Protein backbone atom coordinates (compact mmCIF):
# COMPACT_ATOMS: atom_id res chain seq x y z
CA MET A 1 -29.88 14.98 2.90
CA ASN A 2 -30.54 11.94 5.05
CA GLU A 3 -29.02 8.46 5.32
CA GLU A 4 -31.54 6.87 2.96
CA GLN A 5 -30.75 9.42 0.25
CA ILE A 6 -27.03 8.78 0.64
CA LEU A 7 -27.49 5.00 0.54
CA GLU A 8 -29.56 5.30 -2.62
CA ALA A 9 -26.92 7.50 -4.27
CA ILE A 10 -24.03 5.12 -3.53
CA ARG A 11 -25.97 1.88 -4.15
CA PRO A 12 -24.69 1.58 -7.78
CA PHE A 13 -21.15 1.26 -6.44
CA THR A 14 -21.92 -1.73 -4.16
CA ALA A 15 -23.19 -5.28 -4.44
CA GLY A 16 -26.28 -4.41 -2.45
CA ILE A 17 -27.10 -2.71 0.84
CA GLY A 18 -29.82 -3.70 3.26
CA ASP A 19 -28.90 -6.49 5.68
CA ASP A 20 -27.11 -6.07 8.99
CA ALA A 21 -24.07 -8.04 7.83
CA ALA A 22 -22.65 -9.48 4.63
CA LEU A 23 -22.46 -13.27 4.32
CA TRP A 24 -19.54 -15.00 2.58
CA GLN A 25 -18.56 -18.65 2.39
CA PRO A 26 -14.88 -19.23 1.52
CA SER A 27 -13.91 -22.45 -0.14
CA ARG A 28 -12.53 -25.30 1.98
CA SER A 29 -9.04 -25.10 0.52
CA HIS A 30 -8.55 -21.39 1.18
CA ARG A 31 -8.02 -19.16 4.18
CA SER A 32 -9.59 -15.75 4.64
CA ALA A 33 -7.32 -12.70 4.86
CA ILE A 34 -8.96 -9.71 6.54
CA SER A 35 -7.58 -6.20 6.98
CA SER A 36 -8.78 -2.67 7.65
CA ASP A 37 -7.34 0.77 7.13
CA MET A 38 -8.53 4.31 7.83
CA LEU A 39 -7.86 7.61 6.06
CA VAL A 40 -8.60 10.87 7.88
CA GLU A 41 -8.66 14.27 6.19
CA ASN A 42 -5.70 16.51 7.12
CA VAL A 43 -3.92 13.50 8.65
CA ASP A 44 -3.66 11.08 5.71
CA PHE A 45 -4.72 13.40 2.87
CA THR A 46 -5.74 16.95 2.06
CA ARG A 47 -8.16 18.16 -0.59
CA ASP A 48 -5.51 20.57 -1.81
CA ALA A 49 -3.40 17.58 -2.82
CA MET A 50 -6.02 15.47 -4.59
CA ALA A 51 -9.61 15.26 -5.78
CA LEU A 52 -12.14 13.19 -3.87
CA GLN A 53 -12.12 10.49 -6.56
CA ASP A 54 -8.38 10.16 -5.98
CA VAL A 55 -8.96 9.98 -2.21
CA GLY A 56 -11.39 7.10 -2.74
CA TRP A 57 -9.04 5.31 -5.14
CA ARG A 58 -6.09 5.64 -2.74
CA ALA A 59 -8.14 4.51 0.27
CA MET A 60 -9.13 1.31 -1.49
CA ALA A 61 -5.63 0.74 -2.89
CA ALA A 62 -4.12 1.02 0.59
CA ASN A 63 -6.42 -1.71 1.89
CA VAL A 64 -5.94 -4.01 -1.09
CA SER A 65 -2.18 -3.67 -0.68
CA ASP A 66 -2.49 -5.37 2.72
CA LEU A 67 -4.10 -8.36 1.01
CA ALA A 68 -1.39 -8.38 -1.65
CA ALA A 69 1.25 -8.65 1.07
CA MET A 70 -0.41 -11.87 2.29
CA GLY A 71 -0.57 -13.34 -1.21
CA ALA A 72 -4.36 -13.07 -1.13
CA LYS A 73 -6.92 -12.46 -3.86
CA PRO A 74 -9.29 -9.57 -2.99
CA VAL A 75 -12.90 -10.66 -2.58
CA LEU A 76 -15.03 -8.08 -0.79
CA ALA A 77 -14.95 -4.85 1.21
CA THR A 78 -17.08 -2.76 3.54
CA VAL A 79 -16.74 1.01 3.70
CA ALA A 80 -17.52 3.18 6.73
CA LEU A 81 -17.68 6.88 5.94
CA GLY A 82 -17.77 9.78 8.38
CA PHE A 83 -18.21 13.31 7.02
CA PRO A 84 -18.75 16.89 8.22
CA GLU A 85 -22.19 18.47 8.05
CA ALA A 86 -21.22 20.69 5.10
CA THR A 87 -20.41 17.70 2.86
CA THR A 88 -22.62 17.50 -0.23
CA LEU A 89 -24.17 14.44 -1.82
CA ASP A 90 -22.13 15.06 -4.98
CA GLU A 91 -18.92 14.94 -2.93
CA ILE A 92 -19.89 11.61 -1.37
CA VAL A 93 -20.71 10.16 -4.78
CA GLU A 94 -17.37 11.41 -6.17
CA LEU A 95 -15.53 9.71 -3.32
CA TYR A 96 -17.41 6.44 -3.81
CA ARG A 97 -16.77 6.57 -7.54
CA GLY A 98 -13.03 6.49 -6.86
CA LEU A 99 -13.45 3.67 -4.34
CA ALA A 100 -15.57 1.63 -6.72
CA THR A 101 -13.31 2.23 -9.72
CA TYR A 102 -10.30 0.79 -7.94
CA ALA A 103 -12.33 -2.04 -6.42
CA ALA A 104 -13.50 -3.02 -9.91
CA ARG A 105 -9.89 -3.11 -11.15
CA CYS A 106 -9.17 -5.67 -8.42
CA LYS A 107 -12.42 -7.62 -8.97
CA LEU A 108 -13.36 -6.75 -5.41
CA VAL A 109 -17.00 -6.14 -4.43
CA VAL A 110 -18.15 -3.45 -1.99
CA VAL A 111 -20.89 -5.17 0.03
CA GLY A 112 -21.86 -2.60 2.64
CA GLY A 113 -20.60 -0.37 5.44
CA ASP A 114 -21.77 2.52 7.59
CA LEU A 115 -22.35 6.29 7.50
CA SER A 116 -21.97 8.87 10.26
CA ARG A 117 -21.45 12.56 10.96
CA ALA A 118 -17.80 13.32 11.81
CA PRO A 119 -15.64 16.41 12.43
CA ALA A 120 -13.40 15.48 9.48
CA LEU A 121 -13.87 13.35 6.38
CA THR A 122 -12.96 9.80 7.46
CA ILE A 123 -12.89 6.67 5.31
CA ALA A 124 -12.55 3.33 7.11
CA ILE A 125 -12.43 0.25 4.88
CA ALA A 126 -12.35 -3.43 5.80
CA VAL A 127 -11.28 -5.87 3.10
CA VAL A 128 -11.50 -9.64 2.85
CA GLY A 129 -9.42 -11.81 0.56
CA GLU A 130 -8.71 -15.48 0.16
CA VAL A 131 -5.46 -17.37 -0.23
CA ARG A 132 -4.52 -21.03 -0.50
CA THR A 133 -3.39 -22.31 2.87
CA SER A 134 -0.10 -23.47 1.36
CA ASN A 135 0.57 -20.00 -0.09
CA VAL A 136 -0.02 -17.83 2.98
CA LYS A 137 2.87 -15.44 3.59
CA THR A 138 3.35 -13.32 6.69
CA ARG A 139 6.07 -10.90 7.75
CA ALA A 140 7.38 -13.44 10.28
CA GLY A 141 8.90 -16.14 8.05
CA GLY A 142 12.24 -14.59 7.13
CA ARG A 143 15.54 -16.13 8.20
CA PRO A 144 19.14 -14.85 8.41
CA GLY A 145 20.73 -14.96 4.96
CA ASP A 146 17.50 -14.40 3.06
CA VAL A 147 17.72 -11.81 0.30
CA VAL A 148 15.40 -8.82 0.68
CA ALA A 149 13.89 -7.35 -2.48
CA VAL A 150 11.12 -4.96 -3.54
CA THR A 151 8.65 -5.34 -6.39
CA GLY A 152 9.29 -1.88 -7.81
CA ARG A 153 11.15 1.38 -7.40
CA LEU A 154 10.39 3.54 -4.39
CA GLY A 155 9.85 7.18 -3.48
CA ALA A 156 7.52 8.39 -6.22
CA ALA A 157 4.55 8.83 -3.88
CA ARG A 158 6.60 10.92 -1.47
CA ALA A 159 7.84 12.95 -4.43
CA GLY A 160 4.21 13.56 -5.43
CA LEU A 161 3.36 14.73 -1.92
CA GLU A 162 6.27 17.18 -1.99
CA LEU A 163 5.05 18.51 -5.34
CA THR A 164 1.60 19.30 -3.92
CA ARG A 165 3.40 21.54 -1.42
CA HIS A 166 6.13 22.88 -3.71
CA PRO A 167 4.88 22.66 -7.32
CA GLN A 168 7.97 24.33 -8.74
CA LEU A 169 10.39 21.53 -7.78
CA ILE A 170 10.23 19.60 -11.06
CA ALA A 171 8.18 19.62 -14.26
CA GLY A 172 7.30 17.44 -17.24
CA ASP A 173 6.96 13.65 -17.28
CA LEU A 174 8.70 13.16 -13.93
CA ARG A 175 6.23 15.51 -12.27
CA GLU A 176 3.32 13.53 -13.72
CA GLU A 177 4.90 10.24 -12.61
CA ALA A 178 5.12 11.47 -9.03
CA LEU A 179 1.60 12.93 -8.86
CA GLN A 180 0.14 9.76 -10.38
CA ALA A 181 1.96 7.64 -7.79
CA LEU A 182 0.47 9.77 -5.00
CA ARG A 183 -3.08 10.06 -6.29
CA ARG A 184 -3.63 6.80 -8.17
CA PRO A 185 -1.32 4.16 -6.66
CA GLU A 186 -1.48 0.52 -7.71
CA SER A 187 -1.36 -2.30 -5.18
CA ARG A 188 0.65 -5.37 -6.23
CA VAL A 189 -2.01 -8.07 -6.06
CA ALA A 190 -0.79 -10.14 -9.01
CA GLU A 191 2.80 -9.83 -7.85
CA GLY A 192 1.85 -10.84 -4.31
CA ARG A 193 0.00 -13.94 -5.47
CA PHE A 194 2.85 -14.89 -7.80
CA LEU A 195 5.48 -14.57 -5.06
CA ALA A 196 3.30 -16.25 -2.43
CA ALA A 197 3.09 -19.35 -4.61
CA SER A 198 6.86 -19.84 -4.31
CA ARG A 199 8.18 -21.91 -1.42
CA ASN A 200 11.39 -19.90 -1.66
CA VAL A 201 9.61 -16.71 -0.61
CA THR A 202 9.68 -16.71 3.19
CA ALA A 203 8.07 -13.38 4.19
CA MET A 204 6.28 -10.35 2.71
CA ILE A 205 5.06 -6.95 3.84
CA ASP A 206 3.81 -3.97 1.86
CA CYS A 207 5.90 -0.80 1.79
CA SER A 208 3.16 1.58 2.91
CA ASP A 209 5.10 3.42 5.63
CA GLY A 210 8.53 3.55 4.00
CA LEU A 211 11.39 1.12 3.44
CA SER A 212 13.23 1.92 6.67
CA THR A 213 10.06 1.41 8.72
CA ASP A 214 8.50 -1.60 6.98
CA LEU A 215 11.73 -3.55 6.49
CA GLY A 216 12.32 -3.08 10.21
CA ARG A 217 8.88 -4.54 10.91
CA LEU A 218 9.53 -7.58 8.72
CA ALA A 219 12.94 -8.14 10.28
CA THR A 220 11.62 -7.80 13.82
CA ALA A 221 8.70 -10.15 13.17
CA SER A 222 11.16 -12.66 11.70
CA GLU A 223 13.45 -12.27 14.74
CA CYS A 224 16.19 -10.94 12.48
CA GLY A 225 17.99 -7.77 11.61
CA ALA A 226 18.77 -6.53 8.10
CA VAL A 227 21.52 -4.88 6.11
CA VAL A 228 20.35 -2.44 3.43
CA GLU A 229 22.66 -2.57 0.43
CA SER A 230 20.78 -0.32 -1.99
CA VAL A 231 17.63 1.80 -2.22
CA PRO A 232 16.04 1.42 -5.69
CA LEU A 233 14.41 4.76 -6.47
CA ALA A 234 11.92 6.04 -9.01
CA ARG A 235 13.32 8.70 -11.34
CA SER A 236 10.86 11.25 -10.01
CA ALA A 237 12.00 10.59 -6.44
CA CYS A 238 15.62 11.23 -7.40
CA ALA A 239 14.65 14.45 -9.19
CA VAL A 240 12.61 15.83 -6.29
CA ALA A 241 15.24 14.87 -3.71
CA GLU A 242 17.96 16.61 -5.71
CA ALA A 243 15.76 19.68 -6.18
CA ARG A 244 15.32 19.81 -2.39
CA GLY A 245 19.04 19.35 -1.79
CA GLU A 246 18.57 15.93 -0.17
CA LYS A 247 20.40 12.67 -0.76
CA PRO A 248 18.06 10.57 -2.93
CA GLU A 249 18.60 7.38 -0.89
CA VAL A 250 17.72 9.15 2.37
CA PHE A 251 14.64 10.60 0.70
CA GLY A 252 13.61 7.13 -0.46
CA LEU A 253 14.18 5.45 2.89
CA ALA A 254 11.82 7.94 4.52
CA GLY A 255 9.09 7.66 1.90
CA GLY A 256 5.79 5.87 2.15
CA GLU A 257 2.65 4.77 0.33
CA ASP A 258 4.53 3.27 -2.58
CA PHE A 259 2.53 0.05 -1.99
CA GLU A 260 5.31 -2.05 -3.42
CA LEU A 261 5.96 -5.33 -1.63
CA ILE A 262 9.07 -6.05 0.44
CA VAL A 263 9.95 -9.73 0.02
CA ALA A 264 12.36 -12.09 1.77
CA ILE A 265 13.66 -14.88 -0.47
CA ARG A 266 16.02 -17.77 0.24
CA ALA A 267 19.43 -16.70 -1.01
CA ARG A 268 20.06 -19.77 -3.15
CA ALA A 269 16.81 -19.21 -5.02
CA PHE A 270 16.86 -15.44 -5.46
CA ARG A 271 18.18 -15.41 -9.04
CA HIS A 272 15.63 -18.01 -10.09
CA VAL A 273 12.70 -16.20 -8.48
CA ALA A 274 13.86 -12.84 -9.86
CA ALA A 275 14.22 -14.26 -13.37
CA ARG A 276 10.70 -15.72 -13.28
CA TYR A 277 9.37 -12.44 -11.90
CA ALA A 278 10.99 -10.47 -14.74
CA VAL A 279 9.44 -12.76 -17.35
CA ARG A 280 6.01 -12.55 -15.75
CA PHE A 281 5.86 -8.80 -15.01
CA LYS A 282 8.33 -7.32 -17.51
CA ARG A 283 10.30 -5.53 -14.80
CA GLU A 284 12.95 -6.39 -12.23
CA LEU A 285 12.57 -7.73 -8.73
CA LEU A 286 15.00 -5.32 -7.10
CA ARG A 287 17.47 -6.48 -4.46
CA VAL A 288 17.59 -4.25 -1.37
CA GLY A 289 19.75 -6.19 1.05
CA VAL A 290 19.86 -9.25 3.27
CA LEU A 291 18.45 -10.42 6.59
CA ARG A 292 20.98 -11.15 9.34
CA ALA A 293 20.98 -12.76 12.77
CA GLU A 294 21.96 -9.56 14.60
CA PRO A 295 18.94 -7.36 15.46
CA GLY A 296 18.46 -3.90 14.01
CA LEU A 297 18.87 -2.35 10.57
CA GLU A 298 22.17 -1.21 9.08
CA TRP A 299 22.89 0.97 6.05
CA ASN A 300 26.32 2.09 4.87
CA GLY A 301 27.86 0.53 7.95
CA VAL A 302 25.80 2.51 10.47
CA PRO A 303 22.51 1.78 12.29
CA LEU A 304 19.42 2.75 10.31
CA GLU A 305 16.51 4.23 12.24
CA ALA A 306 12.91 4.09 11.05
CA SER A 307 12.19 7.35 9.22
CA GLY A 308 8.99 6.57 7.33
CA TRP A 309 5.39 7.57 7.93
CA ASP A 310 3.98 7.55 11.47
CA HIS A 311 0.27 8.45 11.79
CA PHE A 312 0.80 9.79 15.31
CA ALA A 313 3.87 11.91 14.59
CA HIS A 314 3.05 13.48 11.22
CA GLY A 315 0.38 15.27 9.26
CA ARG A 316 0.07 15.16 5.50
């Protein structure tokens, strides 16, 4: 197959391919949010763990999650794909089907990209979103005393990854919960936009590399430290941790790719924001801890080191 054949096969999943660059005019009252993320086979995923449609879905969800953390609405994406010589056209179409399915759920349009030969399957996506200037949230706005919360329970994706390696750990509904969290994650776009609209929300970051790692990033950017009071875990994460003989909270702190949002909220307003969140999304905004003036993270009275995902120290 050649590039033209590939472009023709994936054209139905895009808004059109042909020019050298995509053109987009944001409205005057909004700012553009732009992010990119790369998934590499045998570093970020393996085909033993998931089908190519799931790989495409997860690649797009990871990028959209970055927009959610800024309070932005997804608008468009470009996809650069590198693949080994033995890759078939059907495999490329399957991957793009997963990408496009998740993009459609977010009302995001794939407008172009690039194709190349590569030693391993590589998906590099750039996404663009828009957010009202008054609603922009970064990881740098937190202040000592702010309450730290997460938009959902953690650890299910890591539990799913463990199950692809050790299928016998758990069974039934909890097994399905974990595998779904790994293969078909959901980014929190609506939640991010809802929280970004509140003046009482001071900072946000997505929990893509684990609570211990990403909370540390938010605290450092905000020139704060943080005390972790609790680690809200998915049931499947607790079950897998216990089956492995690990403490569930330690398992959850070292997880990743949950794509929940970590949020800093002014202490006096936390109950109000959490109550509104529960009404809007029919689930709790879960308190994790509090930012403090002293640098570093603390849990159970001892320093907490980053133990989440590191692309340069791990392999999937």
